[in-house]
């Protein structure tokens, strides 16, 4: 992906948010619903709202980090309200924080 493509994705009027998920320990339900979850996130990416997403693993939990563009934290959370994992109660905790990117390919300046 070129820098021009990245900047086209990043609407400078929008804010960037890092959203973390903590998943349920119900691995069977997570596995069963993962295709729908990833399909949902792929749709947000295709629409230019999701910049990146992927699993995170620690010794005591599993979850995800999702980077989105939205007008505010409430709008960022609302983008993910229809995520199948979230709707099915497979996300035990979700945190939304504004992320001011100052260095790197996604930095606005």
PDB file of N, CA and C in Angstrom:
ATOM      1  N   UNK A   1       0.853  -1.169   0.000  1.00  0.00           N
ATOM      2  CA  UNK A   1       0.000   0.000   0.000  1.00  0.00           C
ATOM      3  C   UNK A   1       0.902   1.237   0.000  1.00  0.00           C
ATOM      4  N   UNK A   2       0.631   2.165  -0.872  1.00  0.00           N
ATOM      5  CA  UNK A   2       1.432   3.383  -0.966  1.00  0.00           C
ATOM      6  C   UNK A   2       0.958   4.413   0.053  1.00  0.00           C
ATOM      7  N   UNK A   3       1.802   5.393   0.316  1.00  0.00           N
ATOM      8  CA  UNK A   3       1.402   6.464   1.235  1.00  0.00           C
ATOM      9  C   UNK A   3       0.193   7.212   0.698  1.00  0.00           C
ATOM     10  N   UNK A   4       0.123   7.398  -0.616  1.00  0.00           N
ATOM     11  CA  UNK A   4      -1.030   8.093  -1.200  1.00  0.00           C
ATOM     12  C   UNK A   4      -2.315   7.331  -0.900  1.00  0.00           C
ATOM     13  N   UNK A   5      -2.260   6.012  -0.986  1.00  0.00           N
ATOM     14  CA  UNK A   5      -3.437   5.198  -0.685  1.00  0.00           C
ATOM     15  C   UNK A   5      -3.816   5.334   0.783  1.00  0.00           C
ATOM     16  N   UNK A   6      -2.825   5.306   1.648  1.00  0.00           N
ATOM     17  CA  UNK A   6      -3.094   5.442   3.079  1.00  0.00           C
ATOM     18  C   UNK A   6      -3.727   6.794   3.368  1.00  0.00           C
ATOM     19  N   UNK A   7      -3.189   7.862   2.801  1.00  0.00           N
ATOM     20  CA  UNK A   7      -3.750   9.190   3.043  1.00  0.00           C
ATOM     21  C   UNK A   7      -5.149   9.328   2.452  1.00  0.00           C
ATOM     22  N   UNK A   8      -5.425   8.644   1.361  1.00  0.00           N
ATOM     23  CA  UNK A   8      -6.783   8.665   0.809  1.00  0.00           C
ATOM     24  C   UNK A   8      -7.744   8.005   1.789  1.00  0.00           C
ATOM     25  N   UNK A   9      -7.286   6.972   2.488  1.00  0.00           N
ATOM     26  CA  UNK A   9      -8.118   6.299   3.488  1.00  0.00           C
ATOM     27  C   UNK A   9      -8.365   7.180   4.694  1.00  0.00           C
ATOM     28  N   UNK A  10      -7.345   7.900   5.088  1.00  0.00           N
ATOM     29  CA  UNK A  10      -7.447   8.701   6.300  1.00  0.00           C
ATOM     30  C   UNK A  10      -8.129  10.026   5.996  1.00  0.00           C
ATOM     31  N   UNK A  11      -9.355  10.143   6.385  1.00  0.00           N
ATOM     32  CA  UNK A  11     -10.081  11.394   6.238  1.00  0.00           C
ATOM     33  C   UNK A  11      -9.618  12.293   7.375  1.00  0.00           C
ATOM     34  N   UNK A  12      -8.897  13.356   7.037  1.00  0.00           N
ATOM     35  CA  UNK A  12      -8.292  14.189   8.070  1.00  0.00           C
ATOM     36  C   UNK A  12      -9.319  14.891   8.956  1.00  0.00           C
ATOM     37  N   UNK A  13     -10.594  14.944   8.540  1.00  0.00           N
ATOM     38  CA  UNK A  13     -11.636  15.523   9.378  1.00  0.00           C
ATOM     39  C   UNK A  13     -12.089  14.528  10.452  1.00  0.00           C
ATOM     40  N   UNK A  14     -11.749  13.282  10.280  1.00  0.00           N
ATOM     41  CA  UNK A  14     -12.143  12.237  11.216  1.00  0.00           C
ATOM     42  C   UNK A  14     -11.019  12.018  12.229  1.00  0.00           C
ATOM     43  N   UNK A  15     -11.378  11.431  13.345  1.00  0.00           N
ATOM     44  CA  UNK A  15     -10.403  11.071  14.368  1.00  0.00           C
ATOM     45  C   UNK A  15     -10.127   9.574  14.260  1.00  0.00           C
ATOM     46  N   UNK A  16      -8.970   9.173  14.747  1.00  0.00           N
ATOM     47  CA  UNK A  16      -8.607   7.767  14.746  1.00  0.00           C
ATOM     48  C   UNK A  16      -8.789   7.215  16.152  1.00  0.00           C
ATOM     49  N   UNK A  17      -9.340   6.001  16.238  1.00  0.00           N
ATOM     50  CA  UNK A  17      -9.597   5.360  17.523  1.00  0.00           C
ATOM     51  C   UNK A  17      -9.030   3.955  17.532  1.00  0.00           C
ATOM     52  N   UNK A  18      -8.439   3.599  18.664  1.00  0.00           N
ATOM     53  CA  UNK A  18      -7.994   2.228  18.913  1.00  0.00           C
ATOM     54  C   UNK A  18      -9.046   1.589  19.816  1.00  0.00           C
ATOM     55  N   UNK A  19      -9.574   0.481  19.354  1.00  0.00           N
ATOM     56  CA  UNK A  19     -10.610  -0.229  20.103  1.00  0.00           C
ATOM     57  C   UNK A  19     -10.056  -1.593  20.481  1.00  0.00           C
ATOM     58  N   UNK A  20     -10.157  -1.921  21.747  1.00  0.00           N
ATOM     59  CA  UNK A  20      -9.718  -3.241  22.184  1.00  0.00           C
ATOM     60  C   UNK A  20     -10.921  -4.082  22.580  1.00  0.00           C
ATOM     61  N   UNK A  21     -10.831  -5.346  22.234  1.00  0.00           N
ATOM     62  CA  UNK A  21     -11.818  -6.347  22.631  1.00  0.00           C
ATOM     63  C   UNK A  21     -11.142  -7.331  23.576  1.00  0.00           C
ATOM     64  N   UNK A  22     -11.859  -7.785  24.573  1.00  0.00           N
ATOM     65  CA  UNK A  22     -11.481  -8.960  25.357  1.00  0.00           C
ATOM     66  C   UNK A  22     -12.545 -10.005  25.060  1.00  0.00           C
ATOM     67  N   UNK A  23     -12.099 -11.150  24.555  1.00  0.00           N
ATOM     68  CA  UNK A  23     -13.029 -12.195  24.127  1.00  0.00           C
ATOM     69  C   UNK A  23     -13.439 -13.124  25.264  1.00  0.00           C
ATOM     70  N   UNK A  24     -14.595 -13.716  25.085  1.00  0.00           N
ATOM     71  CA  UNK A  24     -15.084 -14.795  25.928  1.00  0.00           C
ATOM     72  C   UNK A  24     -14.133 -15.989  25.830  1.00  0.00           C
ATOM     73  N   UNK A  25     -14.179 -16.848  26.822  1.00  0.00           N
ATOM     74  CA  UNK A  25     -13.398 -18.083  26.773  1.00  0.00           C
ATOM     75  C   UNK A  25     -14.126 -19.180  26.000  1.00  0.00           C
ATOM     76  N   UNK A  26     -15.289 -18.881  25.452  1.00  0.00           N
ATOM     77  CA  UNK A  26     -16.069 -19.857  24.685  1.00  0.00           C
ATOM     78  C   UNK A  26     -15.465 -19.994  23.284  1.00  0.00           C
ATOM     79  N   UNK A  27     -14.386 -20.757  23.193  1.00  0.00           N
ATOM     80  CA  UNK A  27     -13.657 -20.868  21.924  1.00  0.00           C
ATOM     81  C   UNK A  27     -14.496 -21.506  20.824  1.00  0.00           C
ATOM     82  N   UNK A  28     -15.398 -22.404  21.177  1.00  0.00           N
ATOM     83  CA  UNK A  28     -16.247 -23.028  20.156  1.00  0.00           C
ATOM     84  C   UNK A  28     -17.134 -21.977  19.493  1.00  0.00           C
ATOM     85  N   UNK A  29     -17.746 -21.098  20.289  1.00  0.00           N
ATOM     86  CA  UNK A  29     -18.603 -20.044  19.729  1.00  0.00           C
ATOM     87  C   UNK A  29     -17.780 -19.034  18.939  1.00  0.00           C
ATOM     88  N   UNK A  30     -16.585 -18.708  19.433  1.00  0.00           N
ATOM     89  CA  UNK A  30     -15.713 -17.794  18.692  1.00  0.00           C
ATOM     90  C   UNK A  30     -15.344 -18.395  17.341  1.00  0.00           C
ATOM     91  N   UNK A  31     -14.944 -19.661  17.335  1.00  0.00           N
ATOM     92  CA  UNK A  31     -14.569 -20.321  16.080  1.00  0.00           C
ATOM     93  C   UNK A  31     -15.746 -20.386  15.109  1.00  0.00           C
ATOM     94  N   UNK A  32     -16.920 -20.711  15.622  1.00  0.00           N
ATOM     95  CA  UNK A  32     -18.112 -20.839  14.779  1.00  0.00           C
ATOM     96  C   UNK A  32     -18.498 -19.509  14.137  1.00  0.00           C
ATOM     97  N   UNK A  33     -18.322 -18.426  14.864  1.00  0.00           N
ATOM     98  CA  UNK A  33     -18.769 -17.113  14.386  1.00  0.00           C
ATOM     99  C   UNK A  33     -17.659 -16.246  13.807  1.00  0.00           C
ATOM    100  N   UNK A  34     -16.427 -16.757  13.789  1.00  0.00           N
ATOM    101  CA  UNK A  34     -15.298 -15.975  13.268  1.00  0.00           C
ATOM    102  C   UNK A  34     -15.486 -15.561  11.802  1.00  0.00           C
ATOM    103  N   UNK A  35     -15.980 -16.433  10.911  1.00  0.00           N
ATOM    104  CA  UNK A  35     -16.169 -15.977   9.521  1.00  0.00           C
ATOM    105  C   UNK A  35     -17.119 -14.775   9.413  1.00  0.00           C
ATOM    106  N   UNK A  36     -18.205 -14.779  10.180  1.00  0.00           N
ATOM    107  CA  UNK A  36     -19.141 -13.648  10.144  1.00  0.00           C
ATOM    108  C   UNK A  36     -18.495 -12.397  10.740  1.00  0.00           C
ATOM    109  N   UNK A  37     -17.744 -12.565  11.818  1.00  0.00           N
ATOM    110  CA  UNK A  37     -17.029 -11.454  12.457  1.00  0.00           C
ATOM    111  C   UNK A  37     -16.048 -10.824  11.472  1.00  0.00           C
ATOM    112  N   UNK A  38     -15.244 -11.659  10.828  1.00  0.00           N
ATOM    113  CA  UNK A  38     -14.258 -11.133   9.877  1.00  0.00           C
ATOM    114  C   UNK A  38     -14.931 -10.544   8.644  1.00  0.00           C
ATOM    115  N   UNK A  39     -16.030 -11.114   8.220  1.00  0.00           N
ATOM    116  CA  UNK A  39     -16.777 -10.548   7.096  1.00  0.00           C
ATOM    117  C   UNK A  39     -17.307  -9.167   7.429  1.00  0.00           C
ATOM    118  N   UNK A  40     -17.821  -9.011   8.636  1.00  0.00           N
ATOM    119  CA  UNK A  40     -18.318  -7.710   9.083  1.00  0.00           C
ATOM    120  C   UNK A  40     -17.191  -6.680   9.085  1.00  0.00           C
ATOM    121  N   UNK A  41     -16.047  -7.048   9.673  1.00  0.00           N
ATOM    122  CA  UNK A  41     -14.914  -6.126   9.726  1.00  0.00           C
ATOM    123  C   UNK A  41     -14.385  -5.815   8.332  1.00  0.00           C
ATOM    124  N   UNK A  42     -14.385  -6.797   7.447  1.00  0.00           N
ATOM    125  CA  UNK A  42     -13.946  -6.569   6.062  1.00  0.00           C
ATOM    126  C   UNK A  42     -14.841  -5.555   5.369  1.00  0.00           C
ATOM    127  N   UNK A  43     -16.125  -5.583   5.677  1.00  0.00           N
ATOM    128  CA  UNK A  43     -17.047  -4.597   5.120  1.00  0.00           C
ATOM    129  C   UNK A  43     -16.718  -3.190   5.585  1.00  0.00           C
ATOM    130  N   UNK A  44     -16.375  -3.042   6.866  1.00  0.00           N
ATOM    131  CA  UNK A  44     -15.969  -1.725   7.370  1.00  0.00           C
ATOM    132  C   UNK A  44     -14.679  -1.261   6.708  1.00  0.00           C
ATOM    133  N   UNK A  45     -13.758  -2.201   6.478  1.00  0.00           N
ATOM    134  CA  UNK A  45     -12.496  -1.850   5.808  1.00  0.00           C
ATOM    135  C   UNK A  45     -12.764  -1.409   4.375  1.00  0.00           C
ATOM    136  N   UNK A  46     -13.626  -2.126   3.674  1.00  0.00           N
ATOM    137  CA  UNK A  46     -13.950  -1.780   2.288  1.00  0.00           C
ATOM    138  C   UNK A  46     -14.611  -0.409   2.203  1.00  0.00           C
ATOM    139  N   UNK A  47     -15.348  -0.028   3.244  1.00  0.00           N
ATOM    140  CA  UNK A  47     -16.012   1.278   3.285  1.00  0.00           C
ATOM    141  C   UNK A  47     -15.065   2.389   3.736  1.00  0.00           C
ATOM    142  N   UNK A  48     -13.818   2.027   4.083  1.00  0.00           N
ATOM    143  CA  UNK A  48     -12.835   3.025   4.482  1.00  0.00           C
ATOM    144  C   UNK A  48     -12.901   3.454   5.932  1.00  0.00           C
ATOM    145  N   UNK A  49     -13.693   2.757   6.743  1.00  0.00           N
ATOM    146  CA  UNK A  49     -13.836   3.141   8.148  1.00  0.00           C
ATOM    147  C   UNK A  49     -12.880   2.387   9.065  1.00  0.00           C
ATOM    148  N   UNK A  50     -12.501   1.175   8.685  1.00  0.00           N
ATOM    149  CA  UNK A  50     -11.595   0.364   9.489  1.00  0.00           C
ATOM    150  C   UNK A  50     -10.233   0.372   8.825  1.00  0.00           C
ATOM    151  N   UNK A  51      -9.208   0.749   9.579  1.00  0.00           N
ATOM    152  CA  UNK A  51      -7.857   0.823   9.038  1.00  0.00           C
ATOM    153  C   UNK A  51      -7.089  -0.465   9.243  1.00  0.00           C
ATOM    154  N   UNK A  52      -7.309  -1.121  10.376  1.00  0.00           N
ATOM    155  CA  UNK A  52      -6.584  -2.358  10.679  1.00  0.00           C
ATOM    156  C   UNK A  52      -7.315  -3.102  11.786  1.00  0.00           C
ATOM    157  N   UNK A  53      -7.127  -4.413  11.802  1.00  0.00           N
ATOM    158  CA  UNK A  53      -7.726  -5.240  12.840  1.00  0.00           C
ATOM    159  C   UNK A  53      -6.965  -6.548  12.934  1.00  0.00           C
ATOM    160  N   UNK A  54      -6.887  -7.076  14.124  1.00  0.00           N
ATOM    161  CA  UNK A  54      -6.257  -8.378  14.287  1.00  0.00           C
ATOM    162  C   UNK A  54      -6.272  -8.813  15.732  1.00  0.00           C
ATOM    163  N   UNK A  55      -6.038 -10.107  15.942  1.00  0.00           N
ATOM    164  CA  UNK A  55      -6.068 -10.649  17.298  1.00  0.00           C
ATOM    165  C   UNK A  55      -4.855 -10.238  18.114  1.00  0.00           C
ATOM    166  N   UNK A  56      -5.066 -10.154  19.411  1.00  0.00           N
ATOM    167  CA  UNK A  56      -3.979  -9.974  20.370  1.00  0.00           C
ATOM    168  C   UNK A  56      -4.089 -11.112  21.377  1.00  0.00           C
ATOM    169  N   UNK A  57      -2.942 -11.565  21.812  1.00  0.00           N
ATOM    170  CA  UNK A  57      -2.941 -12.685  22.749  1.00  0.00           C
ATOM    171  C   UNK A  57      -1.993 -12.385  23.902  1.00  0.00           C
ATOM    172  N   UNK A  58      -2.479 -12.622  25.082  1.00  0.00           N
ATOM    173  CA  UNK A  58      -1.662 -12.559  26.286  1.00  0.00           C
ATOM    174  C   UNK A  58      -1.865 -13.887  27.006  1.00  0.00           C
ATOM    175  N   UNK A  59      -1.050 -14.156  27.979  1.00  0.00           N
ATOM    176  CA  UNK A  59      -1.146 -15.447  28.658  1.00  0.00           C
ATOM    177  C   UNK A  59      -2.500 -15.653  29.330  1.00  0.00           C
ATOM    178  N   UNK A  60      -3.140 -14.573  29.754  1.00  0.00           N
ATOM    179  CA  UNK A  60      -4.383 -14.715  30.506  1.00  0.00           C
ATOM    180  C   UNK A  60      -5.637 -14.271  29.756  1.00  0.00           C
ATOM    181  N   UNK A  61      -5.512 -13.893  28.478  1.00  0.00           N
ATOM    182  CA  UNK A  61      -6.700 -13.470  27.730  1.00  0.00           C
ATOM    183  C   UNK A  61      -6.423 -13.453  26.244  1.00  0.00           C
ATOM    184  N   UNK A  62      -7.505 -13.457  25.474  1.00  0.00           N
ATOM    185  CA  UNK A  62      -7.408 -13.221  24.037  1.00  0.00           C
ATOM    186  C   UNK A  62      -8.382 -12.110  23.694  1.00  0.00           C
ATOM    187  N   UNK A  63      -8.086 -11.426  22.619  1.00  0.00           N
ATOM    188  CA  UNK A  63      -8.942 -10.334  22.202  1.00  0.00           C
ATOM    189  C   UNK A  63      -8.491  -9.803  20.866  1.00  0.00           C
ATOM    190  N   UNK A  64      -8.771  -8.532  20.623  1.00  0.00           N
ATOM    191  CA  UNK A  64      -8.422  -7.925  19.342  1.00  0.00           C
ATOM    192  C   UNK A  64      -8.117  -6.452  19.535  1.00  0.00           C
ATOM    193  N   UNK A  65      -7.368  -5.932  18.574  1.00  0.00           N
ATOM    194  CA  UNK A  65      -7.123  -4.496  18.457  1.00  0.00           C
ATOM    195  C   UNK A  65      -7.682  -4.081  17.109  1.00  0.00           C
ATOM    196  N   UNK A  66      -8.538  -3.075  17.119  1.00  0.00           N
ATOM    197  CA  UNK A  66      -9.210  -2.606  15.910  1.00  0.00           C
ATOM    198  C   UNK A  66      -8.978  -1.103  15.813  1.00  0.00           C
ATOM    199  N   UNK A  67      -8.505  -0.647  14.658  1.00  0.00           N
ATOM    200  CA  UNK A  67      -8.241   0.776  14.435  1.00  0.00           C
ATOM    201  C   UNK A  67      -9.275   1.294  13.441  1.00  0.00           C
ATOM    202  N   UNK A  68     -10.036   2.316  13.856  1.00  0.00           N
ATOM    203  CA  UNK A  68     -11.091   2.867  13.010  1.00  0.00           C
ATOM    204  C   UNK A  68     -10.976   4.380  12.921  1.00  0.00           C
ATOM    205  N   UNK A  69     -11.653   4.934  11.930  1.00  0.00           N
ATOM    206  CA  UNK A  69     -11.823   6.382  11.782  1.00  0.00           C
ATOM    207  C   UNK A  69     -13.290   6.689  12.061  1.00  0.00           C
ATOM    208  N   UNK A  70     -13.539   7.706  12.883  1.00  0.00           N
ATOM    209  CA  UNK A  70     -14.910   8.108  13.199  1.00  0.00           C
ATOM    210  C   UNK A  70     -14.901   9.556  13.674  1.00  0.00           C
ATOM    211  N   UNK A  71     -16.091  10.133  13.774  1.00  0.00           N
ATOM    212  CA  UNK A  71     -16.220  11.523  14.211  1.00  0.00           C
ATOM    213  C   UNK A  71     -15.915  11.694  15.692  1.00  0.00           C
ATOM    214  N   UNK A  72     -16.259  10.682  16.498  1.00  0.00           N
ATOM    215  CA  UNK A  72     -16.033  10.747  17.941  1.00  0.00           C
ATOM    216  C   UNK A  72     -16.045   9.329  18.501  1.00  0.00           C
ATOM    217  N   UNK A  73     -15.768   9.210  19.796  1.00  0.00           N
ATOM    218  CA  UNK A  73     -15.676   7.884  20.419  1.00  0.00           C
ATOM    219  C   UNK A  73     -16.995   7.125  20.346  1.00  0.00           C
ATOM    220  N   UNK A  74     -18.102   7.829  20.515  1.00  0.00           N
ATOM    221  CA  UNK A  74     -19.403   7.169  20.430  1.00  0.00           C
ATOM    222  C   UNK A  74     -19.664   6.594  19.053  1.00  0.00           C
ATOM    223  N   UNK A  75     -19.303   7.352  18.031  1.00  0.00           N
ATOM    224  CA  UNK A  75     -19.472   6.868  16.658  1.00  0.00           C
ATOM    225  C   UNK A  75     -18.540   5.698  16.377  1.00  0.00           C
ATOM    226  N   UNK A  76     -17.341   5.735  16.950  1.00  0.00           N
ATOM    227  CA  UNK A  76     -16.400   4.622  16.774  1.00  0.00           C
ATOM    228  C   UNK A  76     -16.973   3.347  17.384  1.00  0.00           C
ATOM    229  N   UNK A  77     -17.509   3.448  18.591  1.00  0.00           N
ATOM    230  CA  UNK A  77     -18.119   2.284  19.240  1.00  0.00           C
ATOM    231  C   UNK A  77     -19.321   1.794  18.448  1.00  0.00           C
ATOM    232  N   UNK A  78     -20.136   2.736  17.956  1.00  0.00           N
ATOM    233  CA  UNK A  78     -21.333   2.364  17.203  1.00  0.00           C
ATOM    234  C   UNK A  78     -21.000   1.598  15.930  1.00  0.00           C
ATOM    235  N   UNK A  79     -19.829   1.893  15.327  1.00  0.00           N
ATOM    236  CA  UNK A  79     -19.419   1.151  14.133  1.00  0.00           C
ATOM    237  C   UNK A  79     -19.357  -0.342  14.409  1.00  0.00           C
ATOM    238  N   UNK A  80     -19.000  -0.700  15.637  1.00  0.00           N
ATOM    239  CA  UNK A  80     -18.787  -2.104  15.977  1.00  0.00           C
ATOM    240  C   UNK A  80     -19.954  -2.742  16.722  1.00  0.00           C
ATOM    241  N   UNK A  81     -21.025  -2.001  16.936  1.00  0.00           N
ATOM    242  CA  UNK A  81     -22.177  -2.559  17.646  1.00  0.00           C
ATOM    243  C   UNK A  81     -22.810  -3.738  16.916  1.00  0.00           C
ATOM    244  N   UNK A  82     -22.674  -3.790  15.597  1.00  0.00           N
ATOM    245  CA  UNK A  82     -23.260  -4.894  14.835  1.00  0.00           C
ATOM    246  C   UNK A  82     -22.272  -6.008  14.520  1.00  0.00           C
ATOM    247  N   UNK A  83     -21.081  -5.942  15.106  1.00  0.00           N
ATOM    248  CA  UNK A  83     -20.120  -7.031  14.962  1.00  0.00           C
ATOM    249  C   UNK A  83     -20.762  -8.292  15.550  1.00  0.00           C
ATOM    250  N   UNK A  84     -20.809  -9.387  14.795  1.00  0.00           N
ATOM    251  CA  UNK A  84     -21.418 -10.611  15.331  1.00  0.00           C
ATOM    252  C   UNK A  84     -20.840 -11.041  16.679  1.00  0.00           C
ATOM    253  N   UNK A  85     -19.545 -10.921  16.875  1.00  0.00           N
ATOM    254  CA  UNK A  85     -18.959 -11.272  18.170  1.00  0.00           C
ATOM    255  C   UNK A  85     -19.572 -10.421  19.280  1.00  0.00           C
ATOM    256  N   UNK A  86     -19.729  -9.125  19.037  1.00  0.00           N
ATOM    257  CA  UNK A  86     -20.278  -8.218  20.043  1.00  0.00           C
ATOM    258  C   UNK A  86     -21.753  -8.524  20.297  1.00  0.00           C
ATOM    259  N   UNK A  87     -22.511  -8.699  19.233  1.00  0.00           N
ATOM    260  CA  UNK A  87     -23.946  -8.967  19.358  1.00  0.00           C
ATOM    261  C   UNK A  87     -24.232 -10.276  20.081  1.00  0.00           C
ATOM    262  N   UNK A  88     -23.350 -11.262  19.916  1.00  0.00           N
ATOM    263  CA  UNK A  88     -23.545 -12.569  20.540  1.00  0.00           C
ATOM    264  C   UNK A  88     -22.970 -12.649  21.956  1.00  0.00           C
ATOM    265  N   UNK A  89     -22.444 -11.545  22.461  1.00  0.00           N
ATOM    266  CA  UNK A  89     -21.901 -11.537  23.808  1.00  0.00           C
ATOM    267  C   UNK A  89     -20.540 -12.197  23.936  1.00  0.00           C
ATOM    268  N   UNK A  90     -19.834 -12.347  22.818  1.00  0.00           N
ATOM    269  CA  UNK A  90     -18.510 -12.970  22.837  1.00  0.00           C
ATOM    270  C   UNK A  90     -17.405 -11.962  23.129  1.00  0.00           C
ATOM    271  N   UNK A  91     -17.762 -10.678  23.181  1.00  0.00           N
ATOM    272  CA  UNK A  91     -16.833  -9.620  23.586  1.00  0.00           C
ATOM    273  C   UNK A  91     -17.196  -9.259  25.028  1.00  0.00           C
ATOM    274  N   UNK A  92     -16.327  -9.632  25.954  1.00  0.00           N
ATOM    275  CA  UNK A  92     -16.603  -9.390  27.372  1.00  0.00           C
ATOM    276  C   UNK A  92     -16.311  -7.955  27.780  1.00  0.00           C
ATOM    277  N   UNK A  93     -15.363  -7.333  27.100  1.00  0.00           N
ATOM    278  CA  UNK A  93     -15.007  -5.950  27.404  1.00  0.00           C
ATOM    279  C   UNK A  93     -14.567  -5.272  26.117  1.00  0.00           C
ATOM    280  N   UNK A  94     -14.975  -4.025  25.959  1.00  0.00           N
ATOM    281  CA  UNK A  94     -14.593  -3.239  24.783  1.00  0.00           C
ATOM    282  C   UNK A  94     -14.214  -1.850  25.268  1.00  0.00           C
ATOM    283  N   UNK A  95     -13.025  -1.397  24.879  1.00  0.00           N
ATOM    284  CA  UNK A  95     -12.568  -0.054  25.248  1.00  0.00           C
ATOM    285  C   UNK A  95     -12.275   0.725  23.974  1.00  0.00           C
ATOM    286  N   UNK A  96     -12.678   1.988  23.964  1.00  0.00           N
ATOM    287  CA  UNK A  96     -12.465   2.871  22.816  1.00  0.00           C
ATOM    288  C   UNK A  96     -11.644   4.059  23.295  1.00  0.00           C
ATOM    289  N   UNK A  97     -10.481   4.265  22.674  1.00  0.00           N
ATOM    290  CA  UNK A  97      -9.645   5.413  23.029  1.00  0.00           C
ATOM    291  C   UNK A  97      -9.219   6.136  21.761  1.00  0.00           C
ATOM    292  N   UNK A  98      -9.226   7.465  21.826  1.00  0.00           N
ATOM    293  CA  UNK A  98      -8.732   8.235  20.688  1.00  0.00           C
ATOM    294  C   UNK A  98      -7.229   8.026  20.583  1.00  0.00           C
ATOM    295  N   UNK A  99      -6.757   7.885  19.352  1.00  0.00           N
ATOM    296  CA  UNK A  99      -5.339   7.639  19.107  1.00  0.00           C
ATOM    297  C   UNK A  99      -4.829   8.744  18.199  1.00  0.00           C
ATOM    298  N   UNK A 100      -3.957   9.581  18.727  1.00  0.00           N
ATOM    299  CA  UNK A 100      -3.366  10.683  17.974  1.00  0.00           C
ATOM    300  C   UNK A 100      -2.065  10.177  17.361  1.00  0.00           C
ATOM    301  N   UNK A 101      -2.097   9.849  16.094  1.00  0.00           N
ATOM    302  CA  UNK A 101      -0.941   9.269  15.412  1.00  0.00           C
ATOM    303  C   UNK A 101       0.002  10.398  15.011  1.00  0.00           C
ATOM    304  N   UNK A 102       1.212  10.395  15.566  1.00  0.00           N
ATOM    305  CA  UNK A 102       2.164  11.468  15.286  1.00  0.00           C
ATOM    306  C   UNK A 102       3.379  11.006  14.487  1.00  0.00           C
ATOM    307  N   UNK A 103       3.640   9.714  14.446  1.00  0.00           N
ATOM    308  CA  UNK A 103       4.778   9.183  13.698  1.00  0.00           C
ATOM    309  C   UNK A 103       4.318   7.957  12.924  1.00  0.00           C
ATOM    310  N   UNK A 104       4.780   7.837  11.689  1.00  0.00           N
ATOM    311  CA  UNK A 104       4.474   6.658  10.892  1.00  0.00           C
ATOM    312  C   UNK A 104       3.630   6.980   9.681  1.00  0.00           C
ATOM    313  N   UNK A 105       3.333   5.950   8.927  1.00  0.00           N
ATOM    314  CA  UNK A 105       2.618   6.101   7.658  1.00  0.00           C
ATOM    315  C   UNK A 105       1.231   6.703   7.827  1.00  0.00           C
ATOM    316  N   UNK A 106       0.605   6.505   8.988  1.00  0.00           N
ATOM    317  CA  UNK A 106      -0.739   7.030   9.199  1.00  0.00           C
ATOM    318  C   UNK A 106      -0.744   8.407   9.851  1.00  0.00           C
ATOM    319  N   UNK A 107       0.404   8.948  10.178  1.00  0.00           N
ATOM    320  CA  UNK A 107       0.473  10.254  10.835  1.00  0.00           C
ATOM    321  C   UNK A 107      -0.081  11.333   9.912  1.00  0.00           C
ATOM    322  N   UNK A 108      -0.824  12.269  10.495  1.00  0.00           N
ATOM    323  CA  UNK A 108      -1.454  13.313   9.681  1.00  0.00           C
ATOM    324  C   UNK A 108      -0.502  14.446   9.345  1.00  0.00           C
ATOM    325  N   UNK A 109       0.606  14.554  10.009  1.00  0.00           N
ATOM    326  CA  UNK A 109       1.561  15.629   9.715  1.00  0.00           C
ATOM    327  C   UNK A 109       2.920  15.049   9.460  1.00  0.00           C
TER     328      UNK A 109
END
